[in-house]
């Protein structure tokens, strides 16, 4: 994407006063994407997923709720529900966006109000950003989908599903 267009979108998004009930904007394919703020059950699912992941990760790698993942060259700014990154990434500088090359896994909890964002838009953006694993947790269907091996153009070549487990 043209750096000038993305730069303008990024600046506009950073200065935008987010209306009540909406989340901080994301940027994808030349457009600012605004979605409804997540419900409490959505936030609880992200918290529980973060805890489950943290319990399995090696020292120095953390599951983090929030954080912008930004690929300027592609004009993409996403904010996954949970990301897995080396802890050292959070200690680096004052940059706002996390380089997708540092993201080991991006996870999304599917929202009832906007499932296509997770199943279509982010399914296109995350492999384009070369994020090695994309986990979709869909409470509506009771499944977890793990996508891996990002390939061009914008797809994951492997997928496995499992039932959602609850604590």
Protein backbone atom coordinates (compact mmCIF):
# COMPACT_ATOMS: atom_id res chain seq x y z
CA UNK A 1 0.00 0.00 0.00
CA UNK A 2 1.10 3.53 -0.64
CA UNK A 3 2.99 4.75 2.46
CA UNK A 4 1.39 8.17 2.12
CA UNK A 5 -2.16 6.78 2.18
CA UNK A 6 -1.41 4.50 5.13
CA UNK A 7 0.43 7.28 6.96
CA UNK A 8 -2.57 9.55 6.59
CA UNK A 9 -4.96 6.84 7.76
CA UNK A 10 -2.68 6.04 10.72
CA UNK A 11 -2.49 9.72 11.71
CA UNK A 12 -6.25 10.14 11.35
CA UNK A 13 -6.91 6.98 13.41
CA UNK A 14 -4.53 8.16 16.15
CA UNK A 15 -6.30 11.52 16.39
CA UNK A 16 -9.83 10.14 16.10
CA UNK A 17 -12.16 10.58 19.05
CA UNK A 18 -13.67 7.14 19.31
CA UNK A 19 -17.47 7.34 19.73
CA UNK A 20 -18.97 5.60 22.78
CA UNK A 21 -19.52 1.90 22.22
CA UNK A 22 -16.82 1.57 19.57
CA UNK A 23 -13.28 0.25 19.84
CA UNK A 24 -10.02 1.91 18.84
CA UNK A 25 -9.85 1.70 15.03
CA UNK A 26 -7.91 -0.79 12.97
CA UNK A 27 -6.69 -0.24 9.40
CA UNK A 28 -7.04 -2.78 6.62
CA UNK A 29 -6.71 -2.41 2.84
CA UNK A 30 -7.05 1.35 2.68
CA UNK A 31 -9.92 1.68 5.14
CA UNK A 32 -10.36 2.47 8.81
CA UNK A 33 -12.24 -0.37 10.50
CA UNK A 34 -14.32 0.41 13.58
CA UNK A 35 -16.14 -2.30 15.49
CA UNK A 36 -18.35 -2.38 18.56
CA UNK A 37 -16.60 -2.64 21.91
CA UNK A 38 -16.53 -6.24 23.06
CA UNK A 39 -19.07 -7.56 25.54
CA UNK A 40 -17.90 -8.62 28.99
CA UNK A 41 -18.17 -12.31 28.05
CA UNK A 42 -15.86 -11.62 25.09
CA UNK A 43 -13.30 -9.99 27.40
CA UNK A 44 -13.62 -12.90 29.85
CA UNK A 45 -12.98 -15.39 27.04
CA UNK A 46 -9.84 -13.45 26.01
CA UNK A 47 -8.63 -13.36 29.63
CA UNK A 48 -9.16 -17.11 30.05
CA UNK A 49 -7.42 -17.84 26.76
CA UNK A 50 -4.46 -15.67 27.82
CA UNK A 51 -4.22 -17.61 31.10
CA UNK A 52 -4.36 -20.97 29.30
CA UNK A 53 -1.67 -19.91 26.85
CA UNK A 54 0.59 -18.39 29.53
CA UNK A 55 0.54 -21.66 31.45
CA UNK A 56 2.00 -23.47 28.40
CA UNK A 57 4.55 -20.94 27.18
CA UNK A 58 8.29 -21.10 27.83
CA UNK A 59 10.06 -18.45 29.92
CA UNK A 60 10.44 -15.19 28.06
CA UNK A 61 7.32 -15.70 25.91
CA UNK A 62 3.98 -14.23 27.01
CA UNK A 63 0.35 -14.12 26.00
CA UNK A 64 -0.72 -10.47 25.90
CA UNK A 65 -4.23 -9.06 25.74
CA UNK A 66 -4.24 -6.03 23.47
CA UNK A 67 -1.56 -4.32 21.49
CA UNK A 68 -1.47 -3.04 17.93
CA UNK A 69 0.15 -5.29 15.35
CA UNK A 70 1.26 -3.09 12.48
CA UNK A 71 2.61 -3.88 9.02
CA UNK A 72 3.14 -0.49 7.41
CA UNK A 73 4.30 -1.92 4.08
CA UNK A 74 0.93 -3.65 3.67
CA UNK A 75 -1.10 -0.84 5.23
CA UNK A 76 -2.47 -3.07 7.99
CA UNK A 77 -3.00 -2.24 11.66
CA UNK A 78 -4.80 -4.90 13.67
CA UNK A 79 -5.50 -5.35 17.37
CA UNK A 80 -5.93 -9.07 18.07
CA UNK A 81 -7.74 -10.14 21.23
CA UNK A 82 -4.65 -12.06 22.36
CA UNK A 83 -1.13 -12.25 20.95
CA UNK A 84 1.81 -14.43 21.89
CA UNK A 85 5.14 -12.59 21.73
CA UNK A 86 8.56 -12.60 23.32
CA UNK A 87 8.29 -10.51 26.49
CA UNK A 88 11.27 -8.48 25.33
CA UNK A 89 9.11 -6.97 22.56
CA UNK A 90 7.16 -5.05 25.20
CA UNK A 91 10.39 -3.60 26.57
CA UNK A 92 11.53 -2.16 23.23
CA UNK A 93 11.29 1.59 22.64
CA UNK A 94 8.22 3.73 22.55
CA UNK A 95 6.81 2.55 19.23
CA UNK A 96 3.09 1.95 19.27
CA UNK A 97 2.81 -0.96 16.88
CA UNK A 98 4.19 -4.45 17.38
CA UNK A 99 6.06 -5.81 14.36
CA UNK A 100 4.18 -8.87 13.04
CA UNK A 101 7.55 -10.62 12.69
CA UNK A 102 7.59 -10.74 16.52
CA UNK A 103 4.10 -12.26 16.82
CA UNK A 104 4.09 -16.02 17.28
CA UNK A 105 0.30 -16.33 17.45
CA UNK A 106 -2.69 -14.02 17.03
CA UNK A 107 -6.00 -15.10 18.57
CA UNK A 108 -9.48 -13.75 18.07
CA UNK A 109 -12.65 -14.47 20.01
CA UNK A 110 -15.47 -14.39 17.45
CA UNK A 111 -18.01 -11.69 18.21
CA UNK A 112 -21.70 -12.30 17.63
CA UNK A 113 -22.04 -8.85 16.12
CA UNK A 114 -19.26 -9.17 13.52
CA UNK A 115 -18.03 -12.74 12.87
CA UNK A 116 -16.94 -11.97 9.30
CA UNK A 117 -14.21 -9.68 10.65
CA UNK A 118 -12.48 -12.70 12.21
CA UNK A 119 -13.36 -15.28 9.56
CA UNK A 120 -12.78 -13.18 6.43
CA UNK A 121 -10.88 -9.92 6.98
CA UNK A 122 -8.40 -11.14 9.58
CA UNK A 123 -8.09 -14.49 7.82
CA UNK A 124 -6.74 -12.45 4.90
CA UNK A 125 -4.65 -9.97 6.93
CA UNK A 126 -2.83 -12.25 9.39
CA UNK A 127 -1.25 -14.58 6.81
CA UNK A 128 -0.38 -11.53 4.69
CA UNK A 129 1.46 -10.21 7.77
CA UNK A 130 3.20 -13.62 8.01
CA UNK A 131 1.89 -14.32 11.53
CA UNK A 132 2.69 -18.03 11.90
CA UNK A 133 -0.45 -19.07 13.84
CA UNK A 134 -3.97 -17.66 13.84
CA UNK A 135 -6.33 -19.06 16.45
CA UNK A 136 -10.06 -18.44 16.10
CA UNK A 137 -12.15 -19.18 19.18
CA UNK A 138 -15.80 -19.32 18.22
CA UNK A 139 -18.06 -19.66 21.28
CA UNK A 140 -21.14 -19.62 19.02
CA UNK A 141 -20.07 -22.85 17.31
CA UNK A 142 -18.19 -24.27 20.30
CA UNK A 143 -14.96 -24.67 18.32
CA UNK A 144 -11.38 -23.48 18.20
CA UNK A 145 -9.68 -23.28 14.80
CA UNK A 146 -5.89 -23.21 14.56
CA UNK A 147 -4.52 -21.97 11.25
CA UNK A 148 -0.81 -22.15 10.48
CA UNK A 149 1.78 -22.07 7.68
CA UNK A 150 0.99 -18.69 6.09
CA UNK A 151 1.54 -18.70 2.35
CA UNK A 152 1.04 -16.13 -0.35
CA UNK A 153 -1.46 -14.99 -1.47
CA UNK A 154 -2.98 -14.37 1.93
CA UNK A 155 -3.91 -17.85 3.13
CA UNK A 156 -2.92 -20.37 5.78
CA UNK A 157 -2.18 -23.75 4.26
CA UNK A 158 -2.99 -25.82 7.37
CA UNK A 159 -5.94 -25.89 9.76
CA UNK A 160 -7.20 -28.05 12.60
CA UNK A 161 -10.31 -27.63 14.74
CA UNK A 162 -11.18 -28.76 18.23
CA UNK A 163 -14.09 -28.27 20.61
CA UNK A 164 -13.90 -25.27 22.95
CA UNK A 165 -12.92 -26.32 26.46
CA UNK A 166 -14.18 -24.29 29.40
CA UNK A 167 -12.54 -24.03 32.80
